Amino acid sequence: PPGGPGGLFGGGATPTQPGVNEPPEGGQPAPVPGGGGIFGGGATGGGKPRIALNNPPTSPLNLIGKLEGWGIGPATPVAEVSIKVSAGLGSQITGAQLKELLKKLPDGMTFELSLEKEDD
C-alpha cells in the first residue's frame, strides 16, 4: 500500500529508540553516528537524544503524511535532513526541474548537492 503498512497517512513507521536507526528490510538497527564523547555521554552540546526516522521512496504527498504521522509539525526542530530525488526507473530529472526544486529551498541555510550528469 502507499506509504507502507498504515496507509497514506496512517504513520506506518514507528519511531525507534533514541540512538538507533530503523533497520533496513531484513537488517539490524544501527547506532546513530555522533555523540558519545570521552565520558560516554549522549548528544553533544547537552542536546536531547535524536530519533532517526526514514521512509522509502514515495510521492511528496505521502512524505508529508509521514511527517504528520511521526508527529513533526511546523515548530518541530529536526536535524540532519536528507532528501534523495529519483525520477523513477530508467528516467531522469531535467536541469530545469532541478533548478525549480532548488529555488524552493528556504533562505538562510546551506545545502549539499551531488548528482550524476550524462557525458555529452
Protein backbone atom coordinates (compact mmCIF):
# COMPACT_ATOMS: atom_id res chain seq x y z
CA PRO A 1 0.00 0.00 0.00
CA PRO A 2 1.12 3.62 -0.50
CA GLY A 3 3.36 4.80 2.32
CA GLY A 4 3.83 1.30 3.71
CA PRO A 5 1.68 -0.57 6.25
CA GLY A 6 -0.58 2.05 7.85
CA GLY A 7 -1.71 3.56 4.56
CA LEU A 8 -1.31 7.02 3.19
CA PHE A 9 -1.48 8.90 6.49
CA GLY A 10 -1.52 6.04 8.99
CA GLY A 11 2.05 6.64 10.18
CA GLY A 12 3.07 3.08 9.31
CA ALA A 13 6.65 3.59 10.53
CA THR A 14 7.06 3.95 14.25
CA PRO A 15 9.82 5.94 15.93
CA THR A 16 12.75 3.87 17.12
CA GLN A 17 14.53 4.10 20.44
CA PRO A 18 16.81 7.14 20.74
CA GLY A 19 20.21 6.46 19.22
CA VAL A 20 19.00 3.66 16.93
CA ASN A 21 18.17 3.81 13.21
CA GLU A 22 15.25 1.92 11.79
CA PRO A 23 16.65 -1.29 10.32
CA PRO A 24 16.71 -1.71 6.57
CA GLU A 25 14.50 -4.51 5.29
CA GLY A 26 15.86 -7.68 6.85
CA GLY A 27 18.64 -5.75 8.62
CA GLN A 28 19.52 -4.88 12.19
CA PRO A 29 19.25 -1.48 13.92
CA ALA A 30 22.43 0.60 13.82
CA PRO A 31 23.51 3.30 16.29
CA VAL A 32 23.08 6.90 15.19
CA PRO A 33 26.56 8.27 14.43
CA GLY A 34 27.98 11.09 16.55
CA GLY A 35 27.69 11.98 20.21
CA GLY A 36 29.42 9.88 22.80
CA GLY A 37 32.43 11.94 23.81
CA ILE A 38 35.12 10.60 26.14
CA PHE A 39 32.70 10.02 29.01
CA GLY A 40 30.07 8.14 27.02
CA GLY A 41 27.55 10.99 27.14
CA GLY A 42 24.67 11.37 24.71
CA ALA A 43 24.36 14.08 22.08
CA THR A 44 26.99 16.79 22.08
CA GLY A 45 26.20 20.25 23.40
CA GLY A 46 23.74 18.97 26.01
CA GLY A 47 21.06 18.43 23.34
CA LYS A 48 18.24 15.94 23.57
CA PRO A 49 18.67 12.44 22.13
CA ARG A 50 17.61 12.17 18.50
CA ILE A 51 15.28 9.63 16.94
CA ALA A 52 16.29 8.57 13.42
CA LEU A 53 13.30 8.24 11.07
CA ASN A 54 13.27 7.34 7.38
CA ASN A 55 10.88 6.28 4.65
CA PRO A 56 11.40 4.51 1.31
CA PRO A 57 10.88 6.45 -1.95
CA THR A 58 7.32 7.70 -2.41
CA SER A 59 5.43 10.80 -3.55
CA PRO A 60 5.74 14.22 -1.86
CA LEU A 61 2.16 13.91 -0.59
CA ASN A 62 2.94 10.57 1.07
CA LEU A 63 6.08 12.06 2.65
CA ILE A 64 4.04 14.96 4.07
CA GLY A 65 1.65 12.39 5.53
CA LYS A 66 4.60 10.51 7.01
CA LEU A 67 5.84 13.71 8.71
CA GLU A 68 2.41 14.15 10.26
CA GLY A 69 2.37 10.50 11.35
CA TRP A 70 5.75 10.95 13.02
CA GLY A 71 4.43 13.96 14.93
CA ILE A 72 6.56 16.51 13.07
CA GLY A 73 4.67 19.79 12.97
CA PRO A 74 5.57 23.32 11.84
CA ALA A 75 7.56 24.12 15.01
CA THR A 76 9.20 20.70 15.50
CA PRO A 77 13.01 21.04 15.34
CA VAL A 78 14.66 18.46 13.08
CA ALA A 79 18.32 17.94 12.18
CA GLU A 80 20.37 16.12 9.55
CA VAL A 81 17.60 16.07 6.94
CA SER A 82 18.46 14.27 3.72
CA ILE A 83 16.18 14.11 0.67
CA LYS A 84 17.02 11.88 -2.28
CA VAL A 85 15.36 12.68 -5.61
CA SER A 86 14.66 9.83 -8.04
CA ALA A 87 12.74 10.35 -11.26
CA GLY A 88 11.87 6.66 -11.45
CA LEU A 89 13.23 3.55 -13.08
CA GLY A 90 15.05 4.40 -16.29
CA SER A 91 14.06 8.08 -16.26
CA GLN A 92 15.82 11.25 -15.21
CA ILE A 93 15.12 14.67 -13.74
CA THR A 94 15.95 17.61 -16.04
CA GLY A 95 18.16 20.58 -15.24
CA ALA A 96 15.05 22.80 -15.31
CA GLN A 97 13.24 20.58 -12.78
CA LEU A 98 16.30 20.58 -10.52
CA LYS A 99 16.60 24.37 -10.74
CA GLU A 100 12.92 24.80 -9.77
CA LEU A 101 13.40 22.45 -6.82
CA LEU A 102 16.45 24.40 -5.63
CA LYS A 103 14.57 27.72 -5.92
CA LYS A 104 12.00 26.39 -3.43
CA LEU A 105 14.58 25.71 -0.71
CA PRO A 106 14.49 28.19 2.21
CA ASP A 107 16.97 31.06 2.54
CA GLY A 108 19.39 31.24 5.46
CA MET A 109 20.54 27.62 5.21
CA THR A 110 23.18 25.78 3.24
CA PHE A 111 22.58 22.68 1.16
CA GLU A 112 24.79 19.96 -0.28
CA LEU A 113 24.26 18.72 -3.83
CA SER A 114 25.61 15.65 -5.57
CA LEU A 115 24.38 14.28 -8.88
CA GLU A 116 25.30 12.22 -11.89
CA LYS A 117 25.36 14.07 -15.23
CA GLU A 118 25.36 12.31 -18.57
CA ASP A 119 28.57 12.84 -20.52
CA ASP A 120 27.90 14.90 -23.66
